[in-house]
Protein backbone atom coordinates (compact mmCIF):
# COMPACT_ATOMS: atom_id res chain seq x y z
CA MET A 1 18.87 -16.40 17.40
CA PRO A 2 21.09 -16.33 14.37
CA ALA A 3 20.15 -14.65 11.40
CA GLN A 4 20.05 -18.00 9.15
CA ALA A 5 18.41 -19.61 11.74
CA GLY A 6 15.87 -16.97 11.61
CA ILE A 7 15.19 -17.08 7.70
CA HIS A 8 14.61 -21.13 8.04
CA ASP A 9 12.68 -20.71 11.06
CA ARG A 10 10.41 -17.82 8.51
CA ALA A 11 10.90 -20.23 5.81
CA GLN A 12 9.20 -23.46 7.47
CA LEU A 13 6.36 -21.13 9.18
CA LEU A 14 5.66 -19.33 5.75
CA ASP A 15 5.21 -22.66 3.59
CA THR A 16 3.16 -24.36 7.14
CA ARG A 17 0.85 -21.17 6.25
CA LEU A 18 0.70 -21.63 2.84
CA ARG A 19 -0.57 -24.73 2.69
CA GLY A 20 -2.94 -24.73 5.75
CA HIS A 21 -5.24 -22.89 3.43
CA ASP A 22 -5.09 -25.44 0.72
CA ASP A 23 -7.98 -27.67 1.50
CA MET A 24 -10.03 -24.54 2.61
CA SER A 25 -13.18 -24.38 0.58
CA VAL A 26 -13.51 -20.30 1.80
CA SER A 27 -9.92 -18.82 2.82
CA PRO A 28 -8.52 -15.48 3.80
CA THR A 29 -6.73 -13.65 0.73
CA ARG A 30 -3.51 -13.99 1.19
CA LEU A 31 -1.30 -10.51 0.64
CA ILE A 32 2.08 -8.88 0.67
CA ILE A 33 1.92 -5.15 1.69
CA ASP A 34 4.15 -2.91 -0.07
CA CYS A 35 4.61 0.04 1.32
CA ASP A 36 6.50 3.39 2.39
CA PRO A 37 4.89 4.56 5.53
CA GLY A 38 3.86 7.68 5.41
CA VAL A 39 0.30 8.26 7.19
CA ASP A 40 -1.80 6.44 4.73
CA ASP A 41 -0.12 3.84 4.23
CA ALA A 42 -0.18 3.72 8.23
CA VAL A 43 -4.08 3.59 8.45
CA ALA A 44 -3.89 0.85 5.34
CA LEU A 45 -1.68 -1.23 7.68
CA LEU A 46 -3.76 -0.52 11.13
CA LEU A 47 -6.86 -2.02 8.62
CA ALA A 48 -5.12 -4.51 7.27
CA PHE A 49 -3.65 -5.74 10.60
CA ALA A 50 -7.37 -5.58 12.01
CA SER A 51 -8.89 -7.81 9.75
CA HIS A 52 -7.58 -10.94 10.93
CA GLU A 53 -10.78 -13.04 9.38
CA ALA A 54 -10.41 -12.01 5.68
CA LEU A 55 -6.44 -11.20 5.15
CA ASP A 56 -3.46 -13.65 5.99
CA ILE A 57 -0.64 -11.10 5.69
CA LEU A 58 2.24 -13.43 4.95
CA GLY A 59 4.74 -10.04 4.86
CA VAL A 60 5.08 -6.23 4.69
CA THR A 61 7.79 -5.08 2.37
CA THR A 62 9.45 -1.25 3.10
CA VAL A 63 10.48 1.13 -0.07
CA ALA A 64 12.05 4.38 0.16
CA GLY A 65 9.23 6.75 -0.88
CA ASN A 66 6.92 9.19 1.90
CA ALA A 67 10.42 9.16 3.84
CA GLY A 68 13.67 7.36 3.55
CA LEU A 69 14.26 3.49 3.90
CA GLU A 70 15.47 3.70 7.44
CA ARG A 71 12.05 5.76 8.47
CA THR A 72 9.54 3.56 6.47
CA ALA A 73 11.27 0.17 7.84
CA ARG A 74 10.95 1.62 11.11
CA ASN A 75 7.34 3.17 10.85
CA ALA A 76 6.01 -0.35 9.70
CA ARG A 77 7.35 -1.91 12.26
CA LEU A 78 6.09 0.49 14.60
CA ILE A 79 2.51 0.22 13.24
CA ARG A 80 2.65 -3.45 13.38
CA GLN A 81 3.40 -3.14 17.15
CA ILE A 82 0.55 -0.55 17.45
CA ALA A 83 -1.91 -3.04 16.04
CA ASN A 84 -0.36 -6.01 18.15
CA ARG A 85 0.84 -8.35 15.39
CA PRO A 86 4.35 -9.46 16.12
CA ASP A 87 3.02 -12.38 13.60
CA VAL A 88 3.33 -10.36 10.68
CA PRO A 89 7.48 -10.33 9.02
CA VAL A 90 8.64 -6.76 7.93
CA PHE A 91 11.52 -6.43 5.44
CA ALA A 92 13.32 -3.51 4.25
CA GLY A 93 13.94 -2.85 0.49
CA ALA A 94 15.06 -0.27 -2.33
CA ASP A 95 16.38 2.67 -0.83
CA ARG A 96 16.07 4.52 -4.10
CA PRO A 97 14.10 4.86 -6.95
CA MET A 98 15.29 2.75 -10.18
CA VAL A 99 16.50 5.49 -12.41
CA ARG A 100 15.48 8.90 -11.02
CA ALA A 101 16.52 10.86 -8.41
CA PRO A 102 14.86 9.92 -5.04
CA VAL A 103 12.11 12.25 -4.29
CA GLU A 104 10.28 12.36 -0.45
CA ALA A 105 7.01 13.84 1.07
CA GLY A 106 7.72 15.37 4.23
CA ASP A 107 5.26 18.27 3.89
CA PHE A 108 2.44 15.95 3.66
CA HIS A 109 3.40 13.35 6.36
CA GLY A 110 5.71 14.91 8.81
CA GLU A 111 9.60 14.70 9.25
CA SER A 112 9.63 11.17 10.87
CA GLY A 113 6.76 10.15 8.09
CA LEU A 114 3.80 9.18 10.50
CA GLY A 115 2.76 12.83 11.28
CA PRO A 116 1.87 13.31 14.67
CA LEU A 117 2.28 9.76 16.23
CA ALA A 118 4.51 9.64 18.80
CA ILE A 119 7.65 7.70 17.62
CA PHE A 120 9.96 5.01 19.51
CA GLU A 121 11.67 2.14 18.30
CA PRO A 122 9.96 -1.16 17.65
CA ALA A 123 10.85 -3.73 19.88
CA ALA A 124 10.56 -6.62 17.27
CA PRO A 125 13.35 -6.01 14.75
CA LEU A 126 13.79 -6.25 10.96
CA GLU A 127 13.73 -9.37 9.14
CA ALA A 128 17.42 -10.08 6.98
CA ASP A 129 16.18 -10.85 4.04
CA HIS A 130 15.55 -8.28 0.94
CA ALA A 131 11.98 -6.89 0.46
CA ALA A 132 12.42 -7.81 -3.54
CA ARG A 133 13.65 -11.18 -2.24
CA PHE A 134 11.00 -11.72 -0.07
CA ILE A 135 8.53 -11.37 -2.48
CA VAL A 136 10.01 -13.79 -5.23
CA GLU A 137 10.62 -16.65 -2.81
CA THR A 138 6.74 -16.76 -1.33
CA VAL A 139 5.72 -15.73 -4.70
CA MET A 140 7.37 -18.44 -6.44
CA ALA A 141 6.85 -20.83 -3.59
CA ALA A 142 3.13 -20.64 -3.50
CA PRO A 143 0.58 -22.36 -5.14
CA SER A 144 0.05 -19.46 -8.70
CA GLY A 145 -2.45 -17.63 -8.46
CA SER A 146 -2.60 -17.63 -4.79
CA ILE A 147 -1.21 -14.53 -3.48
CA THR A 148 -2.55 -11.07 -3.64
CA LEU A 149 0.00 -7.72 -3.92
CA ALA A 150 -1.13 -4.02 -2.46
CA VAL A 151 1.36 -1.85 -3.20
CA THR A 152 0.74 1.56 -1.74
CA GLY A 153 4.19 3.49 -2.41
CA PRO A 154 6.83 3.48 -4.97
CA ALA A 155 6.54 0.37 -7.12
CA THR A 156 10.34 -0.38 -7.00
CA ASN A 157 10.73 -3.05 -4.69
CA VAL A 158 8.12 -4.62 -6.76
CA ALA A 159 9.82 -3.88 -10.25
CA GLN A 160 12.97 -5.03 -8.58
CA ALA A 161 11.13 -8.70 -7.87
CA MET A 162 9.90 -8.85 -11.69
CA LEU A 163 12.98 -7.94 -13.37
CA PHE A 164 14.81 -10.76 -10.69
CA ALA A 165 12.23 -13.41 -11.61
CA PRO A 166 10.14 -12.52 -15.27
CA GLU A 167 7.57 -15.01 -14.53
CA LEU A 168 6.67 -13.90 -11.16
CA GLY A 169 3.98 -11.38 -11.96
CA LYS A 170 1.93 -14.42 -13.93
CA ARG A 171 1.79 -16.44 -10.71
CA LEU A 172 0.16 -13.66 -8.45
CA LYS A 173 -3.40 -13.78 -8.28
CA GLN A 174 -3.45 -9.82 -8.77
CA ILE A 175 -1.83 -6.56 -7.69
CA VAL A 176 -3.69 -4.00 -6.09
CA VAL A 177 -2.24 -0.20 -6.13
CA MET A 178 -2.82 3.28 -5.15
CA GLY A 179 -1.27 5.29 -7.71
CA GLY A 180 -1.98 7.92 -10.24
CA ALA A 181 -4.22 10.19 -11.33
CA ASP A 182 -6.39 11.35 -14.44
CA THR A 183 -9.65 13.92 -14.18
CA MET A 184 -7.85 14.96 -10.48
CA GLY A 185 -4.37 15.79 -12.16
CA GLY A 186 -1.51 15.20 -9.97
CA ASN A 187 -0.67 16.01 -6.36
CA ILE A 188 3.32 16.19 -6.87
CA THR A 189 3.03 17.85 -9.97
CA PRO A 190 0.33 19.35 -12.15
CA THR A 191 -0.31 15.67 -13.95
CA ALA A 192 1.34 13.26 -11.64
CA GLU A 193 0.69 11.62 -8.19
CA TYR A 194 3.12 11.33 -5.77
CA ASN A 195 3.77 7.53 -5.73
CA VAL A 196 4.27 7.52 -9.61
CA PHE A 197 6.16 10.38 -10.16
CA ALA A 198 8.98 8.93 -7.43
CA ASP A 199 9.47 5.65 -9.80
CA PRO A 200 7.57 5.88 -12.82
CA HIS A 201 9.68 3.50 -14.72
CA ALA A 202 9.19 0.61 -11.77
CA PHE A 203 5.39 1.60 -12.25
CA HIS A 204 6.06 1.14 -16.12
CA VAL A 205 7.55 -2.44 -15.03
CA MET A 206 4.57 -3.28 -12.37
CA LEU A 207 1.85 -2.25 -15.25
CA GLY A 208 3.49 -4.82 -17.38
CA ALA A 209 3.29 -7.89 -14.50
CA GLY A 210 0.88 -10.07 -16.91
CA CYS A 211 -2.14 -10.49 -13.75
CA PRO A 212 -4.75 -8.68 -13.19
CA ILE A 213 -4.10 -5.11 -11.69
CA ALA A 214 -6.44 -2.95 -9.61
CA ILE A 215 -5.58 0.77 -9.56
CA PHE A 216 -6.80 3.47 -6.81
CA SER A 217 -5.59 6.71 -8.47
CA LEU A 218 -6.42 10.45 -6.82
CA ASP A 219 -9.51 10.06 -8.70
CA VAL A 220 -11.16 7.99 -6.93
CA THR A 221 -9.11 8.60 -2.99
CA TYR A 222 -10.39 12.20 -3.45
CA GLN A 223 -13.90 10.56 -3.03
CA VAL A 224 -12.81 9.17 0.45
CA LEU A 225 -12.09 12.06 2.41
CA THR A 226 -11.25 12.60 6.37
CA LEU A 227 -14.12 15.14 7.33
CA PRO A 228 -13.83 15.84 10.94
CA GLU A 229 -17.81 14.10 11.76
CA ARG A 230 -15.92 10.90 10.30
CA ILE A 231 -12.56 11.53 12.52
CA ALA A 232 -14.85 11.97 15.48
CA ALA A 233 -16.24 8.65 15.17
CA LEU A 234 -13.21 7.19 14.57
CA GLU A 235 -12.08 8.95 18.08
CA ALA A 236 -14.72 7.72 20.07
CA ILE A 237 -13.27 4.20 19.49
CA ASP A 238 -11.33 3.22 22.46
CA THR A 239 -8.77 1.34 20.52
CA PRO A 240 -4.89 1.89 19.50
CA GLY A 241 -5.44 1.32 16.03
CA ALA A 242 -8.74 3.74 15.70
CA GLN A 243 -7.04 6.67 18.09
CA ALA A 244 -3.99 6.29 16.15
CA SER A 245 -5.71 6.32 12.85
CA ALA A 246 -7.95 9.53 14.27
CA GLN A 247 -4.65 11.31 15.25
CA ILE A 248 -3.41 10.69 11.39
CA MET A 249 -6.74 12.30 10.26
CA ARG A 250 -6.28 15.14 11.81
CA PHE A 251 -2.83 15.83 11.11
CA SER A 252 -3.83 15.29 7.53
CA ASN A 253 -6.87 17.81 7.14
CA ASN A 254 -4.79 20.37 9.12
CA VAL A 255 -1.94 19.84 5.92
CA GLU A 256 -4.67 19.31 3.42
CA ALA A 257 -6.17 23.06 4.71
CA ASP A 258 -2.65 24.86 5.07
CA ILE A 259 -1.50 23.87 1.40
CA ARG A 260 -4.30 23.06 -0.74
CA ARG A 261 -6.78 25.12 1.07
CA ARG A 262 -9.58 22.38 1.14
CA SER A 263 -11.30 20.44 4.15
CA GLY A 264 -10.98 17.17 4.15
CA ALA A 265 -8.23 14.82 3.04
CA PRO A 266 -8.13 12.18 0.90
CA LEU A 267 -7.68 9.10 1.97
CA HIS A 268 -5.27 7.11 -0.59
CA ASP A 269 -3.76 4.39 0.88
CA PRO A 270 -6.56 2.14 2.56
CA CYS A 271 -8.49 2.47 -0.31
CA THR A 272 -6.68 -0.79 -1.70
CA ILE A 273 -7.47 -2.56 1.90
CA ALA A 274 -10.62 -1.41 1.37
CA TRP A 275 -11.76 -2.98 -1.95
CA LEU A 276 -9.75 -6.19 -0.90
CA LEU A 277 -12.24 -6.18 2.23
CA ARG A 278 -15.65 -4.97 0.17
CA PRO A 279 -15.07 -4.86 -3.53
CA ASP A 280 -18.60 -3.64 -3.55
CA LEU A 281 -17.36 -0.42 -2.05
CA PHE A 282 -16.09 0.83 -5.35
CA HIS A 283 -16.58 0.55 -9.28
CA LEU A 284 -13.66 -0.02 -11.09
CA ARG A 285 -13.84 -0.02 -15.22
CA PRO A 286 -11.07 -1.61 -17.54
CA ALA A 287 -8.64 0.66 -18.87
CA ARG A 288 -4.96 0.79 -21.12
CA VAL A 289 -2.99 2.28 -19.02
CA THR A 290 0.76 3.68 -19.62
CA VAL A 291 2.99 6.15 -18.02
CA GLU A 292 5.28 8.88 -18.88
CA THR A 293 8.76 8.29 -17.95
CA ASN A 294 10.49 10.76 -20.44
CA GLU A 295 11.82 13.66 -18.46
CA GLY A 296 9.50 16.68 -19.31
CA PRO A 297 6.71 18.50 -18.08
CA ASN A 298 4.14 15.62 -17.98
CA PHE A 299 7.09 13.17 -16.27
CA GLY A 300 5.01 10.38 -13.85
CA GLN A 301 1.60 11.03 -15.75
CA THR A 302 -0.40 8.15 -15.67
CA VAL A 303 -2.38 8.34 -19.35
CA ILE A 304 -5.81 6.55 -19.19
CA ALA A 305 -7.91 4.80 -22.24
CA PHE A 306 -10.88 3.24 -20.63
CA ASP A 307 -12.14 0.30 -22.21
CA ALA A 308 -9.50 -0.18 -24.84
CA PRO A 309 -9.11 -3.55 -26.31
CA ASP A 310 -5.75 -4.08 -24.89
CA ALA A 311 -6.65 -3.07 -21.22
CA ASN A 312 -3.99 -4.07 -18.58
CA ALA A 313 -5.59 -2.58 -15.47
CA GLN A 314 -8.87 -2.03 -13.82
CA TRP A 315 -9.08 1.46 -13.11
CA ALA A 316 -11.42 2.70 -10.34
CA VAL A 317 -13.80 5.56 -10.99
CA LYS A 318 -16.00 5.47 -7.92
CA ALA A 319 -16.14 4.66 -4.27
CA ASP A 320 -18.32 5.04 -1.39
CA GLY A 321 -16.77 7.24 1.03
CA ALA A 322 -19.36 6.66 4.03
CA GLY A 323 -18.98 3.01 3.38
CA VAL A 324 -15.09 3.43 3.30
CA PHE A 325 -15.37 4.86 6.91
CA ALA A 326 -18.08 2.41 8.56
CA LEU A 327 -15.68 -0.04 7.41
CA LEU A 328 -12.74 1.36 8.95
CA ASN A 329 -14.92 1.53 11.91
CA GLN A 330 -16.22 -1.42 12.49
CA LYS A 331 -12.62 -3.15 11.63
CA LEU A 332 -10.96 -0.71 14.31
CA ALA A 333 -13.08 -1.62 16.66
CA LEU A 334 -11.83 -4.91 17.05
């Protein structure tokens, strides 16, 4: 099929999906997932792909981050194939941050970006559109306040989309983000979390979106640990998604033990999807969130002022780790 025809057909399908829910009293969350797979992004994708009844995934967009763009775009398609969700289109986006030099996280994600998973060339190709263009066109074509954006990597694609269409943020229902750190300190520098550090300028743009933003930082993801007994429960589930997730978690545990000398790795990115499915598993507080974009020892640090009168986000402060894993077990068993 010619690329232009494919885009036309996809636009018609998307229009049908967007209109198809308008008259339903209860409808699934219309969702775009922007990510940089990445082992924890992979688990987040598997959880989202398995949640057919609750999430209408309009597309997955990828960005350079945990690995280079060629690998993150391949990895998203690979996870899509494991989950048997060929209906979800995948788009490649920005191959470098807005301003700073690229920084990857191979020490935590392995050379491929997917740790121990067997790497293969996925059967279904990428879509022709750029990720930022897809985000703009999809959000602007939908009824205002009807689409949620989950961001589990550097926010470069999102910032590009907002610069292309400044009104885009106000048309979103909400943005759900994995990024930042406060009380836990950083995981790439003493003060900065990786996703924000990788493109703090983009994170700054995203914070000004003008829609509700829920942020899941290291403060809360370190309350959702891949403990051995939790991995064993996943390993007992004989589905491709559960088996792949368990492999990834064992890999992450080994990395955490080797690098940080801690037992149990934090399950970062899946917290965003878990909150969309079960908000009762988390407690969030309103906060004014800013990010340090000046070069120096605090570059990429998120600065939090709780209950500020000019709060621009909800900052997650508590998670039910056991509940998140029970949700994973339930969804990945399907």
